[in-house]
Amino acid sequence: MRSFRNILIALVACVAAPSWAASLSDDLLERMSEADVVLLGEIHDNPAHHETQRAALAALQPKAVVWEMLTGVQAGRIGAQLINRPEEMARILDWAESGWPAFAMYYPLFKAVPGARIYGGAVPREAAMAAMQAGEAVAFGADAARYGLTVDLPPAEMAERVELQFAAHCEAIPRDRLPAMVGIQRLRDAVLAREVLMALEETGGPVAVITGNGHARRDWGIPVYLDRVRPGLAVFALGQSENGGIDGVFDAVLDSPPVERDDPCLAFTRSN
């Protein structure tokens, strides 16, 4: 497996960026360059996190990029010429209806690696619904056991994950529904890992992944499934925090100021 190439690392120093981006140092990029897979975590609506991802992609030039935000069908619609037409690209991807932050935040990441193959690791809505009804193993399919989805989580981990889901949903979701939500999270991690392995097989790597911090974390996320299926694979997990706040284990964490956002719990208040 080829590791991330060291070429172009020096370009990052030439990129005009806010002062917080200086923490994406040559040493950190060197560590990333030694991996077969680099997970670039984010808080989805923080532009600073996307600029860090863009700078990393521009420096590392991976052969493939796996996107949490795209399904496999959507990824298949993206060609080299489309990347130069942002408005058409957003339309073809139905981005405005996707629920993700503005396409303008993500478009520079596509532009940073125009030659990379695009892969989609999003779980389609139908599969997520199947996971809610029948469990993540059924929704994943034939390789569920290989990826560990037929094995229950340790009780302590499940309890911690349920509590995080309860807090994330503003304590407005009945607790008996939360284990199924944890199952969907496991499904998403495994699907992203499966897509990473496909990208490695088809391109030879290296592979970068654009995803939320929860999927990038070493202790629960994509690395758990990669290690199960391909032990020994060189994986680097970058987390990005706001004012030092982040859950999980990462190989490195970069910090930036929080963005102003509405209270997400207002949506639950209005629906009651």
C-alpha atoms as a PDB file:
ATOM      1  CA  MET A   1       0.000   0.000   0.000  1.00  0.00           C
ATOM      2  CA  ARG A   2       1.413   3.344  -0.967  1.00  0.00           C
ATOM      3  CA  SER A   3       1.518   5.893   1.825  1.00  0.00           C
ATOM      4  CA  PHE A   4       0.523   9.537   1.429  1.00  0.00           C
ATOM      5  CA  ARG A   5       3.201  11.216  -0.665  1.00  0.00           C
ATOM      6  CA  ASN A   6       5.326  13.940   0.848  1.00  0.00           C
ATOM      7  CA  ILE A   7       5.197  16.104  -2.244  1.00  0.00           C
ATOM      8  CA  LEU A   8       3.320  19.396  -2.041  1.00  0.00           C
ATOM      9  CA  ILE A   9       3.457  19.551   1.756  1.00  0.00           C
ATOM     10  CA  ALA A  10       5.347  22.829   1.546  1.00  0.00           C
ATOM     11  CA  LEU A  11       2.441  24.363  -0.358  1.00  0.00           C
ATOM     12  CA  VAL A  12       0.446  24.700   2.836  1.00  0.00           C
ATOM     13  CA  ALA A  13       2.835  27.335   4.114  1.00  0.00           C
ATOM     14  CA  CYS A  14       2.028  29.411   1.032  1.00  0.00           C
ATOM     15  CA  VAL A  15      -1.741  29.233   1.410  1.00  0.00           C
ATOM     16  CA  ALA A  16      -3.325  32.425   2.697  1.00  0.00           C
ATOM     17  CA  ALA A  17      -5.393  31.337   5.688  1.00  0.00           C
ATOM     18  CA  PRO A  18      -6.517  32.611   9.093  1.00  0.00           C
ATOM     19  CA  SER A  19      -4.053  32.391  11.961  1.00  0.00           C
ATOM     20  CA  TRP A  20      -5.753  29.291  13.427  1.00  0.00           C
ATOM     21  CA  ALA A  21      -4.725  27.313  10.328  1.00  0.00           C
ATOM     22  CA  ALA A  22      -1.053  27.627  11.353  1.00  0.00           C
ATOM     23  CA  SER A  23      -1.594  24.605  13.624  1.00  0.00           C
ATOM     24  CA  LEU A  24      -1.736  22.452  10.472  1.00  0.00           C
ATOM     25  CA  SER A  25       2.036  22.220  10.702  1.00  0.00           C
ATOM     26  CA  ASP A  26       4.571  20.513   8.476  1.00  0.00           C
ATOM     27  CA  ASP A  27       5.095  17.947  11.238  1.00  0.00           C
ATOM     28  CA  LEU A  28       1.397  17.121  11.355  1.00  0.00           C
ATOM     29  CA  LEU A  29       1.220  16.841   7.574  1.00  0.00           C
ATOM     30  CA  GLU A  30       4.264  14.587   7.629  1.00  0.00           C
ATOM     31  CA  ARG A  31       2.491  12.269  10.064  1.00  0.00           C
ATOM     32  CA  MET A  32      -0.591  12.262   7.836  1.00  0.00           C
ATOM     33  CA  SER A  33       1.538  11.526   4.784  1.00  0.00           C
ATOM     34  CA  GLU A  34       2.675   8.243   6.316  1.00  0.00           C
ATOM     35  CA  ALA A  35      -0.880   6.865   6.478  1.00  0.00           C
ATOM     36  CA  ASP A  36      -2.886   4.873   3.957  1.00  0.00           C
ATOM     37  CA  VAL A  37      -6.083   6.511   5.237  1.00  0.00           C
ATOM     38  CA  VAL A  38      -6.480   9.993   6.718  1.00  0.00           C
ATOM     39  CA  LEU A  39      -9.752  10.827   8.459  1.00  0.00           C
ATOM     40  CA  LEU A  40     -10.368  14.586   8.437  1.00  0.00           C
ATOM     41  CA  GLY A  41     -12.956  15.215  11.125  1.00  0.00           C
ATOM     42  CA  GLU A  42     -15.109  18.317  11.388  1.00  0.00           C
ATOM     43  CA  ILE A  43     -17.964  20.061  13.083  1.00  0.00           C
ATOM     44  CA  HIS A  44     -20.110  20.352  10.005  1.00  0.00           C
ATOM     45  CA  ASP A  45     -20.984  24.040  10.106  1.00  0.00           C
ATOM     46  CA  ASN A  46     -17.589  25.415  11.143  1.00  0.00           C
ATOM     47  CA  PRO A  47     -15.856  27.105   8.146  1.00  0.00           C
ATOM     48  CA  ALA A  48     -12.490  26.955   9.938  1.00  0.00           C
ATOM     49  CA  HIS A  49     -12.675  23.179   9.999  1.00  0.00           C
ATOM     50  CA  HIS A  50     -13.381  23.069   6.275  1.00  0.00           C
ATOM     51  CA  GLU A  51     -10.390  25.314   5.571  1.00  0.00           C
ATOM     52  CA  THR A  52      -8.171  22.916   7.521  1.00  0.00           C
ATOM     53  CA  GLN A  53      -9.560  20.018   5.497  1.00  0.00           C
ATOM     54  CA  ARG A  54      -8.987  21.918   2.244  1.00  0.00           C
ATOM     55  CA  ALA A  55      -5.395  22.706   3.160  1.00  0.00           C
ATOM     56  CA  ALA A  56      -4.751  19.081   4.132  1.00  0.00           C
ATOM     57  CA  LEU A  57      -6.217  17.764   0.879  1.00  0.00           C
ATOM     58  CA  ALA A  58      -4.228  20.268  -1.185  1.00  0.00           C
ATOM     59  CA  ALA A  59      -1.004  19.209   0.519  1.00  0.00           C
ATOM     60  CA  LEU A  60      -1.578  15.446   0.567  1.00  0.00           C
ATOM     61  CA  GLN A  61      -3.260  14.971  -2.836  1.00  0.00           C
ATOM     62  CA  PRO A  62      -4.925  11.613  -2.061  1.00  0.00           C
ATOM     63  CA  LYS A  63      -5.946   9.297  -4.889  1.00  0.00           C
ATOM     64  CA  ALA A  64      -9.479   9.064  -3.505  1.00  0.00           C
ATOM     65  CA  VAL A  65     -11.749  10.986  -1.148  1.00  0.00           C
ATOM     66  CA  VAL A  66     -14.650   9.354   0.693  1.00  0.00           C
ATOM     67  CA  TRP A  67     -17.451  11.749   1.658  1.00  0.00           C
ATOM     68  CA  GLU A  68     -19.857  11.238   4.538  1.00  0.00           C
ATOM     69  CA  MET A  69     -22.145  13.750   2.793  1.00  0.00           C
ATOM     70  CA  LEU A  70     -22.624  11.735  -0.413  1.00  0.00           C
ATOM     71  CA  THR A  71     -24.277   8.430  -1.215  1.00  0.00           C
ATOM     72  CA  GLY A  72     -22.620   6.155  -3.716  1.00  0.00           C
ATOM     73  CA  VAL A  73     -25.189   7.203  -6.320  1.00  0.00           C
ATOM     74  CA  GLN A  74     -24.412  10.889  -5.789  1.00  0.00           C
ATOM     75  CA  ALA A  75     -20.664  10.292  -5.921  1.00  0.00           C
ATOM     76  CA  GLY A  76     -21.112   8.530  -9.255  1.00  0.00           C
ATOM     77  CA  ARG A  77     -22.573  11.716 -10.745  1.00  0.00           C
ATOM     78  CA  ILE A  78     -19.406  13.744 -10.191  1.00  0.00           C
ATOM     79  CA  GLY A  79     -16.986  13.982 -13.092  1.00  0.00           C
ATOM     80  CA  ALA A  80     -13.871  16.096 -13.588  1.00  0.00           C
ATOM     81  CA  GLN A  81     -15.698  18.698 -15.665  1.00  0.00           C
ATOM     82  CA  LEU A  82     -18.531  19.023 -13.148  1.00  0.00           C
ATOM     83  CA  ILE A  83     -16.083  20.044 -10.405  1.00  0.00           C
ATOM     84  CA  ASN A  84     -15.455  23.273 -12.327  1.00  0.00           C
ATOM     85  CA  ARG A  85     -19.187  24.109 -12.332  1.00  0.00           C
ATOM     86  CA  PRO A  86     -20.174  24.600  -8.676  1.00  0.00           C
ATOM     87  CA  GLU A  87     -23.774  25.678  -9.250  1.00  0.00           C
ATOM     88  CA  GLU A  88     -24.455  22.725 -11.545  1.00  0.00           C
ATOM     89  CA  MET A  89     -22.646  20.410  -9.154  1.00  0.00           C
ATOM     90  CA  ALA A  90     -24.803  21.525  -6.228  1.00  0.00           C
ATOM     91  CA  ARG A  91     -27.931  21.041  -8.340  1.00  0.00           C
ATOM     92  CA  ILE A  92     -26.997  17.551  -9.518  1.00  0.00           C
ATOM     93  CA  LEU A  93     -26.195  16.526  -5.944  1.00  0.00           C
ATOM     94  CA  ASP A  94     -29.502  17.978  -4.643  1.00  0.00           C
ATOM     95  CA  TRP A  95     -27.378  19.683  -2.018  1.00  0.00           C
ATOM     96  CA  ALA A  96     -29.999  22.270  -1.072  1.00  0.00           C
ATOM     97  CA  GLU A  97     -32.319  19.434   0.010  1.00  0.00           C
ATOM     98  CA  SER A  98     -29.650  17.382   1.760  1.00  0.00           C
ATOM     99  CA  GLY A  99     -29.691  19.054   5.167  1.00  0.00           C
ATOM    100  CA  TRP A 100     -25.921  19.660   5.083  1.00  0.00           C
ATOM    101  CA  PRO A 101     -24.449  23.166   5.528  1.00  0.00           C
ATOM    102  CA  ALA A 102     -24.068  25.399   2.477  1.00  0.00           C
ATOM    103  CA  PHE A 103     -22.345  23.837  -0.520  1.00  0.00           C
ATOM    104  CA  ALA A 104     -19.985  26.839  -0.582  1.00  0.00           C
ATOM    105  CA  MET A 105     -18.328  25.419   2.549  1.00  0.00           C
ATOM    106  CA  TYR A 106     -17.546  22.094   0.879  1.00  0.00           C
ATOM    107  CA  TYR A 107     -16.881  23.095  -2.719  1.00  0.00           C
ATOM    108  CA  PRO A 108     -13.260  24.230  -2.066  1.00  0.00           C
ATOM    109  CA  LEU A 109     -12.511  20.695  -0.837  1.00  0.00           C
ATOM    110  CA  PHE A 110     -13.582  19.216  -4.172  1.00  0.00           C
ATOM    111  CA  LYS A 111     -11.467  21.806  -5.979  1.00  0.00           C
ATOM    112  CA  ALA A 112      -8.415  21.009  -3.857  1.00  0.00           C
ATOM    113  CA  VAL A 113      -8.111  17.501  -5.326  1.00  0.00           C
ATOM    114  CA  PRO A 114      -9.662  17.626  -8.817  1.00  0.00           C
ATOM    115  CA  GLY A 115      -7.961  14.397  -9.864  1.00  0.00           C
ATOM    116  CA  ALA A 116      -9.102  12.307  -6.900  1.00  0.00           C
ATOM    117  CA  ARG A 117     -11.816   9.700  -7.304  1.00  0.00           C
ATOM    118  CA  ILE A 118     -14.943  10.544  -5.334  1.00  0.00           C
ATOM    119  CA  TYR A 119     -16.659   7.946  -3.143  1.00  0.00           C
ATOM    120  CA  GLY A 120     -19.871   8.303  -1.166  1.00  0.00           C
ATOM    121  CA  GLY A 121     -20.191   6.775   2.280  1.00  0.00           C
ATOM    122  CA  ALA A 122     -23.608   8.096   3.290  1.00  0.00           C
ATOM    123  CA  VAL A 123     -26.261   5.611   4.379  1.00  0.00           C
ATOM    124  CA  PRO A 124     -29.364   6.066   2.208  1.00  0.00           C
ATOM    125  CA  ARG A 125     -32.558   6.899   4.058  1.00  0.00           C
ATOM    126  CA  GLU A 126     -34.097   3.493   3.267  1.00  0.00           C
ATOM    127  CA  ALA A 127     -31.133   1.687   4.843  1.00  0.00           C
ATOM    128  CA  ALA A 128     -31.312   3.890   7.933  1.00  0.00           C
ATOM    129  CA  MET A 129     -35.003   3.076   8.275  1.00  0.00           C
ATOM    130  CA  ALA A 130     -34.213  -0.610   7.890  1.00  0.00           C
ATOM    131  CA  ALA A 131     -31.640  -0.291  10.659  1.00  0.00           C
ATOM    132  CA  MET A 132     -34.248   1.295  12.927  1.00  0.00           C
ATOM    133  CA  GLN A 133     -36.664  -1.555  12.282  1.00  0.00           C
ATOM    134  CA  ALA A 134     -34.432  -4.623  11.954  1.00  0.00           C
ATOM    135  CA  GLY A 135     -31.013  -3.595  13.243  1.00  0.00           C
ATOM    136  CA  GLU A 136     -27.756  -2.411  11.757  1.00  0.00           C
ATOM    137  CA  ALA A 137     -26.554  -5.891  10.767  1.00  0.00           C
ATOM    138  CA  VAL A 138     -29.587  -6.495   8.539  1.00  0.00           C
ATOM    139  CA  ALA A 139     -29.269  -3.054   6.964  1.00  0.00           C
ATOM    140  CA  PHE A 140     -25.547  -3.533   6.275  1.00  0.00           C
ATOM    141  CA  GLY A 141     -25.932  -6.836   4.466  1.00  0.00           C
ATOM    142  CA  ALA A 142     -23.833  -9.926   3.892  1.00  0.00           C
ATOM    143  CA  ASP A 143     -20.580  -8.728   5.483  1.00  0.00           C
ATOM    144  CA  ALA A 144     -22.175  -7.596   8.743  1.00  0.00           C
ATOM    145  CA  ALA A 145     -20.408 -10.258  10.823  1.00  0.00           C
ATOM    146  CA  ARG A 146     -17.043  -9.477   9.240  1.00  0.00           C
ATOM    147  CA  TYR A 147     -17.444  -5.841  10.273  1.00  0.00           C
ATOM    148  CA  GLY A 148     -18.572  -6.775  13.780  1.00  0.00           C
ATOM    149  CA  LEU A 149     -22.137  -5.527  13.465  1.00  0.00           C
ATOM    150  CA  THR A 150     -23.598  -8.811  14.681  1.00  0.00           C
ATOM    151  CA  VAL A 151     -21.822  -8.382  18.036  1.00  0.00           C
ATOM    152  CA  ASP A 152     -23.403  -6.233  20.748  1.00  0.00           C
ATOM    153  CA  LEU A 153     -21.420  -3.315  22.087  1.00  0.00           C
ATOM    154  CA  PRO A 154     -19.957  -3.707  25.580  1.00  0.00           C
ATOM    155  CA  PRO A 155     -22.610  -2.555  28.098  1.00  0.00           C
ATOM    156  CA  ALA A 156     -20.505   0.357  29.374  1.00  0.00           C
ATOM    157  CA  GLU A 157     -19.908   1.680  25.874  1.00  0.00           C
ATOM    158  CA  MET A 158     -23.559   1.304  24.927  1.00  0.00           C
ATOM    159  CA  ALA A 159     -24.603   3.175  28.070  1.00  0.00           C
ATOM    160  CA  GLU A 160     -22.190   6.013  27.322  1.00  0.00           C
ATOM    161  CA  ARG A 161     -23.322   6.235  23.717  1.00  0.00           C
ATOM    162  CA  VAL A 162     -26.978   6.280  24.733  1.00  0.00           C
ATOM    163  CA  GLU A 163     -26.272   9.175  27.095  1.00  0.00           C
ATOM    164  CA  LEU A 164     -24.517  11.099  24.316  1.00  0.00           C
ATOM    165  CA  GLN A 165     -27.488  10.542  22.014  1.00  0.00           C
ATOM    166  CA  PHE A 166     -29.846  11.671  24.761  1.00  0.00           C
ATOM    167  CA  ALA A 167     -27.884  14.896  25.223  1.00  0.00           C
ATOM    168  CA  ALA A 168     -27.475  15.430  21.464  1.00  0.00           C
ATOM    169  CA  HIS A 169     -31.245  15.235  21.050  1.00  0.00           C
ATOM    170  CA  CYS A 170     -31.825  17.733  23.882  1.00  0.00           C
ATOM    171  CA  GLU A 171     -33.202  15.010  26.185  1.00  0.00           C
ATOM    172  CA  ALA A 172     -36.343  15.049  24.044  1.00  0.00           C
ATOM    173  CA  ILE A 173     -36.168  11.505  22.618  1.00  0.00           C
ATOM    174  CA  PRO A 174     -37.515   8.592  24.680  1.00  0.00           C
ATOM    175  CA  ARG A 175     -34.633   6.548  26.021  1.00  0.00           C
ATOM    176  CA  ASP A 176     -35.990   3.305  24.616  1.00  0.00           C
ATOM    177  CA  ARG A 177     -35.461   4.670  21.086  1.00  0.00           C
ATOM    178  CA  LEU A 178     -31.832   5.617  21.643  1.00  0.00           C
ATOM    179  CA  PRO A 179     -30.159   2.185  21.278  1.00  0.00           C
ATOM    180  CA  ALA A 180     -31.522   2.049  17.720  1.00  0.00           C
ATOM    181  CA  MET A 181     -29.935   5.448  17.063  1.00  0.00           C
ATOM    182  CA  VAL A 182     -26.628   4.097  18.325  1.00  0.00           C
ATOM    183  CA  GLY A 183     -27.122   1.218  15.901  1.00  0.00           C
ATOM    184  CA  ILE A 184     -27.540   3.634  13.002  1.00  0.00           C
ATOM    185  CA  GLN A 185     -24.322   5.365  14.043  1.00  0.00           C
ATOM    186  CA  ARG A 186     -22.535   2.009  13.983  1.00  0.00           C
ATOM    187  CA  LEU A 187     -24.027   1.321  10.562  1.00  0.00           C
ATOM    188  CA  ARG A 188     -22.743   4.645   9.239  1.00  0.00           C
ATOM    189  CA  ASP A 189     -19.255   3.982  10.611  1.00  0.00           C
ATOM    190  CA  ALA A 190     -19.160   0.550   9.001  1.00  0.00           C
ATOM    191  CA  VAL A 191     -20.476   1.793   5.647  1.00  0.00           C
ATOM    192  CA  LEU A 192     -17.838   4.531   5.591  1.00  0.00           C
ATOM    193  CA  ALA A 193     -15.157   1.963   6.423  1.00  0.00           C
ATOM    194  CA  ARG A 194     -16.389  -0.337   3.659  1.00  0.00           C
ATOM    195  CA  GLU A 195     -16.216   2.540   1.182  1.00  0.00           C
ATOM    196  CA  VAL A 196     -12.680   3.374   2.306  1.00  0.00           C
ATOM    197  CA  LEU A 197     -11.576  -0.201   1.667  1.00  0.00           C
ATOM    198  CA  MET A 198     -13.217  -0.164  -1.756  1.00  0.00           C
ATOM    199  CA  ALA A 199     -11.415   3.087  -2.586  1.00  0.00           C
ATOM    200  CA  LEU A 200      -8.104   1.587  -1.470  1.00  0.00           C
ATOM    201  CA  GLU A 201      -8.646  -1.496  -3.592  1.00  0.00           C
ATOM    202  CA  GLU A 202      -9.687   0.432  -6.698  1.00  0.00           C
ATOM    203  CA  THR A 203      -7.158   3.286  -6.565  1.00  0.00           C
ATOM    204  CA  GLY A 204      -4.288   1.900  -4.521  1.00  0.00           C
ATOM    205  CA  GLY A 205      -4.664   4.808  -2.112  1.00  0.00           C
ATOM    206  CA  PRO A 206      -3.962   6.905  -0.280  1.00  0.00           C
ATOM    207  CA  VAL A 207      -7.518   7.772   0.768  1.00  0.00           C
ATOM    208  CA  ALA A 208      -8.861  10.774   2.659  1.00  0.00           C
ATOM    209  CA  VAL A 209     -12.234  10.872   4.395  1.00  0.00           C
ATOM    210  CA  ILE A 210     -14.346  13.999   4.948  1.00  0.00           C
ATOM    211  CA  THR A 211     -16.565  13.293   7.926  1.00  0.00           C
ATOM    212  CA  GLY A 212     -17.826  14.446  11.281  1.00  0.00           C
ATOM    213  CA  ASN A 213     -15.678  14.010  14.363  1.00  0.00           C
ATOM    214  CA  GLY A 214     -17.941  11.257  15.655  1.00  0.00           C
ATOM    215  CA  HIS A 215     -17.104   9.024  12.706  1.00  0.00           C
ATOM    216  CA  ALA A 216     -13.398   9.906  12.763  1.00  0.00           C
ATOM    217  CA  ARG A 217     -12.763   9.069  16.413  1.00  0.00           C
ATOM    218  CA  ARG A 218     -10.442   6.115  16.951  1.00  0.00           C
ATOM    219  CA  ASP A 219     -12.268   4.546  19.883  1.00  0.00           C
ATOM    220  CA  TRP A 220     -15.759   4.233  18.307  1.00  0.00           C
ATOM    221  CA  GLY A 221     -15.668   5.304  14.683  1.00  0.00           C
ATOM    222  CA  ILE A 222     -14.367   4.250  11.287  1.00  0.00           C
ATOM    223  CA  PRO A 223     -10.940   3.115  12.600  1.00  0.00           C
ATOM    224  CA  VAL A 224     -12.590   0.383  14.694  1.00  0.00           C
ATOM    225  CA  TYR A 225     -14.071  -1.208  11.574  1.00  0.00           C
ATOM    226  CA  LEU A 226     -10.971  -0.725   9.440  1.00  0.00           C
ATOM    227  CA  ASP A 227      -8.860  -2.392  12.109  1.00  0.00           C
ATOM    228  CA  ARG A 228     -11.277  -5.300  12.298  1.00  0.00           C
ATOM    229  CA  VAL A 229     -11.333  -5.930   8.547  1.00  0.00           C
ATOM    230  CA  ARG A 230      -7.817  -4.781   7.617  1.00  0.00           C
ATOM    231  CA  PRO A 231      -5.634  -4.987  10.740  1.00  0.00           C
ATOM    232  CA  GLY A 232      -2.351  -3.178  10.344  1.00  0.00           C
ATOM    233  CA  LEU A 233      -3.698  -0.576   7.933  1.00  0.00           C
ATOM    234  CA  ALA A 234      -2.050   2.792   8.597  1.00  0.00           C
ATOM    235  CA  VAL A 235      -4.845   5.160   9.651  1.00  0.00           C
ATOM    236  CA  PHE A 236      -4.529   8.736  10.892  1.00  0.00           C
ATOM    237  CA  ALA A 237      -7.527  10.350  12.619  1.00  0.00           C
ATOM    238  CA  LEU A 238      -7.720  14.141  12.891  1.00  0.00           C
ATOM    239  CA  GLY A 239     -10.337  15.679  15.171  1.00  0.00           C
ATOM    240  CA  GLN A 240     -11.338  19.342  15.115  1.00  0.00           C
ATOM    241  CA  SER A 241     -12.673  20.964  18.247  1.00  0.00           C
ATOM    242  CA  GLU A 242     -14.228  24.255  19.254  1.00  0.00           C
ATOM    243  CA  ASN A 243     -12.661  25.949  22.282  1.00  0.00           C
ATOM    244  CA  GLY A 244     -11.057  22.626  23.184  1.00  0.00           C
ATOM    245  CA  GLY A 245     -14.309  20.667  23.406  1.00  0.00           C
ATOM    246  CA  ILE A 246     -14.377  17.290  21.653  1.00  0.00           C
ATOM    247  CA  ASP A 247     -15.394  13.716  22.487  1.00  0.00           C
ATOM    248  CA  GLY A 248     -13.286  10.733  21.549  1.00  0.00           C
ATOM    249  CA  VAL A 249      -9.724   9.635  20.853  1.00  0.00           C
ATOM    250  CA  PHE A 250      -7.761  11.007  17.887  1.00  0.00           C
ATOM    251  CA  ASP A 251      -4.192  10.994  16.645  1.00  0.00           C
ATOM    252  CA  ALA A 252      -4.275  14.803  16.687  1.00  0.00           C
ATOM    253  CA  VAL A 253      -6.815  17.505  17.483  1.00  0.00           C
ATOM    254  CA  LEU A 254      -6.845  21.027  16.034  1.00  0.00           C
ATOM    255  CA  ASP A 255      -8.854  23.720  17.760  1.00  0.00           C
ATOM    256  CA  SER A 256     -10.720  26.748  16.434  1.00  0.00           C
ATOM    257  CA  PRO A 257     -13.264  29.235  17.784  1.00  0.00           C
ATOM    258  CA  PRO A 258     -16.928  28.186  17.745  1.00  0.00           C
ATOM    259  CA  VAL A 259     -19.308  29.618  15.199  1.00  0.00           C
ATOM    260  CA  GLU A 260     -22.497  31.414  16.135  1.00  0.00           C
ATOM    261  CA  ARG A 261     -25.445  29.084  15.747  1.00  0.00           C
ATOM    262  CA  ASP A 262     -29.040  28.887  16.892  1.00  0.00           C
ATOM    263  CA  ASP A 263     -29.881  26.737  19.880  1.00  0.00           C
ATOM    264  CA  PRO A 264     -30.607  23.305  18.304  1.00  0.00           C
ATOM    265  CA  CYS A 265     -32.966  22.459  21.150  1.00  0.00           C
ATOM    266  CA  LEU A 266     -35.420  25.115  19.951  1.00  0.00           C
ATOM    267  CA  ALA A 267     -36.511  22.727  17.202  1.00  0.00           C
ATOM    268  CA  PHE A 268     -37.603  20.182  19.815  1.00  0.00           C
ATOM    269  CA  THR A 269     -39.381  22.883  21.810  1.00  0.00           C
ATOM    270  CA  ARG A 270     -41.352  24.057  18.758  1.00  0.00           C
ATOM    271  CA  SER A 271     -42.383  20.502  17.866  1.00  0.00           C
ATOM    272  CA  ASN A 272     -43.917  19.884  21.301  1.00  0.00           C
END
